[in-house]
Every structure is written in structure tokens, then in C-alpha cells.
Amino acid sequence: MKLLVVSSVGGHLTEIMHLAPLFGGHEVILVVNEEVQLPDYPFSRVYRIEHAERDWRQIKNLGQALAILEHERPDVVLSAGASPAVVFAVAAKLISNARVVFLESAAAITVPTLTGKLMYPLADEFYFQWPALKKHFPRGVYCPVVFGDG
């Protein structure tokens, strides 16, 4: 299976990399939106896209997402946010058969993030980490990710 992990840098990337033990045996490609020291993981390839906020650079990101998806043809697009998640989910729905999987941020305890709200209708699988979010994401799955060494 080819897995395209899409993330903004910082906490979102840290969260998604806590799922790395599940990546074993799969080809994993990373997309980040800034230059950053990469996590210690054997990614097949790393793409760096433009850092876009809620501005015109989202259009540039959409073009970058379409090109990466066309080139890589992943089976799954996985993200925990933020902005790049939405752009890649839209692009995936437009041109690929990739399943879109989203993990809502652990920082969203009682109120969903904007990215979570946007991703919920786009994601084939949607996970949240706090039980209070079930009312916001009724078809989502409660799945807390444990951080740290235990």
C-alpha cells in the first residue's frame, strides 16, 4: 500500500507521526508545508509545498496537490491537519481513488477545529480523540492517540 501523509509542521506532524508504528510494510511519502527537521522515519520521498494560510496560496497548494497525487497515485491520503489536509482531500476526490483518512487534533477537546469541520464531509474515515466530539462527528470514530512513552 502507498500512503501519502500530509501535514503542516509542528504539532500536527508530531501527532500524525505517533501513528508511525502502523505504517510498517507500506511505502510512505510525506508532504509538509515548510522546511522542517524531519521525523526519524524512512520516508520514500518528501515533498515540501507552499505554506498557505487562508489566502490565495491555497490555489497554488491545490495545483501542487494535484501534481503530487497524479505522480504518486497513493492508496491512502492520511492527515491530522491543518490547511494542507483540506487541499489534498479535495484534490484526491477530484482525480484519484485514494481513501482520505483524517485524525482530528488532540487539541480539539470539546469544540472541533476548522480543519476538522472541513474534513468531516471529505474524509472516508474520520477519527477524533476526545469523546465529547462525538456529537459533532456522529459517523466518526473515537480513537485516542497516546502521546509520550506511556
Protein backbone atom coordinates (compact mmCIF):
# COMPACT_ATOMS: atom_id res chain seq x y z
CA MET A 1 0.00 0.00 0.00
CA LYS A 2 1.19 3.51 -0.79
CA LEU A 3 0.44 6.03 1.96
CA LEU A 4 0.67 9.79 1.41
CA VAL A 5 0.99 11.54 4.78
CA VAL A 6 0.06 15.23 4.50
CA SER A 7 0.76 17.63 7.35
CA SER A 8 1.52 21.12 8.38
CA VAL A 9 4.62 21.28 10.53
CA GLY A 10 4.69 21.41 14.32
CA GLY A 11 2.04 19.75 16.44
CA HIS A 12 0.08 18.26 13.54
CA LEU A 13 3.18 16.50 12.22
CA THR A 14 4.05 15.32 15.73
CA GLU A 15 0.55 13.88 16.18
CA ILE A 16 0.48 12.05 12.87
CA MET A 17 3.94 10.58 13.46
CA HIS A 18 2.64 8.89 16.61
CA LEU A 19 0.85 6.62 14.14
CA ALA A 20 4.16 5.62 12.50
CA PRO A 21 4.13 2.11 14.05
CA LEU A 22 1.08 1.44 11.85
CA PHE A 23 3.00 2.43 8.69
CA GLY A 24 5.26 -0.65 8.72
CA GLY A 25 5.43 -2.59 5.48
CA HIS A 26 3.95 0.27 3.44
CA GLU A 27 5.51 2.85 1.17
CA VAL A 28 5.19 6.17 3.00
CA ILE A 29 5.53 9.54 1.30
CA LEU A 30 5.45 12.76 3.32
CA VAL A 31 4.11 16.17 2.28
CA VAL A 32 4.83 19.14 4.57
CA ASN A 33 4.21 22.83 4.14
CA GLU A 34 7.54 24.22 5.36
CA GLU A 35 11.19 23.37 5.70
CA VAL A 36 11.47 21.44 8.93
CA GLN A 37 13.70 18.89 10.57
CA LEU A 38 12.02 15.68 9.53
CA PRO A 39 10.92 12.99 11.95
CA ASP A 40 13.18 9.97 12.18
CA TYR A 41 11.32 7.79 9.71
CA PRO A 42 12.36 6.12 6.41
CA PHE A 43 10.06 8.09 4.07
CA SER A 44 10.26 7.03 0.43
CA ARG A 45 10.01 10.66 -0.66
CA VAL A 46 9.34 14.05 0.91
CA TYR A 47 7.56 16.92 -0.79
CA ARG A 48 7.56 20.46 0.52
CA ILE A 49 4.68 22.62 -0.61
CA GLU A 50 3.97 26.33 -0.18
CA HIS A 51 2.89 27.39 3.30
CA ALA A 52 -0.61 28.77 2.81
CA GLU A 53 -2.95 30.24 5.35
CA ARG A 54 -6.50 31.22 4.42
CA ASP A 55 -5.30 33.09 1.34
CA TRP A 56 -4.65 32.85 -2.41
CA ARG A 57 -1.75 30.44 -1.86
CA GLN A 58 -4.39 27.74 -1.33
CA ILE A 59 -4.81 27.81 -5.12
CA LYS A 60 -1.08 27.16 -5.52
CA ASN A 61 -1.38 24.33 -2.96
CA LEU A 62 -4.23 22.82 -4.96
CA GLY A 63 -2.03 22.75 -8.06
CA GLN A 64 0.80 21.20 -6.04
CA ALA A 65 -1.57 18.62 -4.57
CA LEU A 66 -2.94 17.66 -7.98
CA ALA A 67 0.59 17.20 -9.36
CA ILE A 68 1.77 15.13 -6.38
CA LEU A 69 -1.33 12.94 -6.41
CA GLU A 70 -1.07 12.40 -10.16
CA HIS A 71 2.60 11.44 -9.84
CA GLU A 72 2.36 9.28 -6.70
CA ARG A 73 -1.11 7.71 -7.07
CA PRO A 74 -1.41 6.80 -3.36
CA ASP A 75 -3.89 4.32 -1.97
CA VAL A 76 -4.48 6.45 1.13
CA VAL A 77 -4.10 10.13 1.97
CA LEU A 78 -3.65 10.47 5.74
CA SER A 79 -3.57 13.74 7.69
CA ALA A 80 -4.07 15.30 11.09
CA GLY A 81 -4.19 18.83 9.63
CA ALA A 82 -4.09 21.65 9.14
CA SER A 83 -4.56 23.56 5.88
CA PRO A 84 -2.80 21.07 3.55
CA ALA A 85 -5.21 18.34 4.66
CA VAL A 86 -8.19 20.06 3.11
CA VAL A 87 -6.46 20.88 -0.17
CA PHE A 88 -5.17 17.32 -0.59
CA ALA A 89 -8.56 15.83 0.32
CA VAL A 90 -10.29 17.96 -2.32
CA ALA A 91 -7.63 17.09 -4.91
CA ALA A 92 -7.86 13.39 -4.03
CA LYS A 93 -11.62 13.43 -4.51
CA LEU A 94 -11.19 15.16 -7.88
CA ILE A 95 -8.56 12.96 -9.51
CA SER A 96 -7.87 9.79 -7.56
CA ASN A 97 -9.38 6.76 -5.93
CA ALA A 98 -7.31 7.27 -2.77
CA ARG A 99 -9.11 6.88 0.53
CA VAL A 100 -8.92 10.01 2.65
CA VAL A 101 -8.29 9.41 6.36
CA PHE A 102 -8.27 12.25 8.87
CA LEU A 103 -7.34 12.38 12.56
CA GLU A 104 -8.80 15.40 14.39
CA SER A 105 -6.28 17.20 16.56
CA ALA A 106 -5.88 16.14 20.18
CA ALA A 107 -6.10 19.85 21.00
CA ALA A 108 -9.78 19.76 19.97
CA ILE A 109 -11.30 18.58 23.23
CA THR A 110 -14.90 19.86 23.15
CA VAL A 111 -15.05 22.02 20.01
CA PRO A 112 -13.90 20.83 16.56
CA THR A 113 -11.14 22.58 14.68
CA LEU A 114 -11.95 24.42 11.46
CA THR A 115 -9.94 21.77 9.60
CA GLY A 116 -11.94 19.02 11.27
CA LYS A 117 -15.21 20.66 10.24
CA LEU A 118 -13.99 20.95 6.64
CA MET A 119 -12.53 17.45 6.53
CA TYR A 120 -15.53 15.64 8.02
CA PRO A 121 -17.56 15.55 4.76
CA LEU A 122 -14.43 14.85 2.68
CA ALA A 123 -12.90 12.02 4.72
CA ASP A 124 -13.66 8.38 4.01
CA GLU A 125 -12.55 7.65 7.57
CA PHE A 126 -12.63 10.29 10.30
CA TYR A 127 -11.15 9.83 13.78
CA PHE A 128 -11.39 12.09 16.82
CA GLN A 129 -9.52 11.86 20.10
CA TRP A 130 -11.98 13.09 22.73
CA PRO A 131 -15.42 11.56 23.43
CA ALA A 132 -17.11 14.99 23.62
CA LEU A 133 -16.57 15.38 19.86
CA LYS A 134 -18.94 12.50 19.00
CA LYS A 135 -21.85 14.95 18.87
CA HIS A 136 -20.00 16.93 16.19
CA PHE A 137 -18.81 13.91 14.22
CA PRO A 138 -21.50 11.21 14.56
CA ARG A 139 -20.05 8.94 11.85
CA GLY A 140 -16.53 9.50 13.16
CA VAL A 141 -14.65 7.04 15.33
CA TYR A 142 -13.37 7.82 18.81
CA CYS A 143 -9.73 6.80 18.78
CA PRO A 144 -7.40 8.48 21.28
CA VAL A 145 -3.75 8.57 20.35
CA VAL A 146 -1.44 8.15 23.32
CA PHE A 147 1.48 10.59 23.33
CA GLY A 148 4.80 10.09 25.01
CA ASP A 149 6.38 6.90 26.24
CA GLY A 150 3.38 5.61 28.10
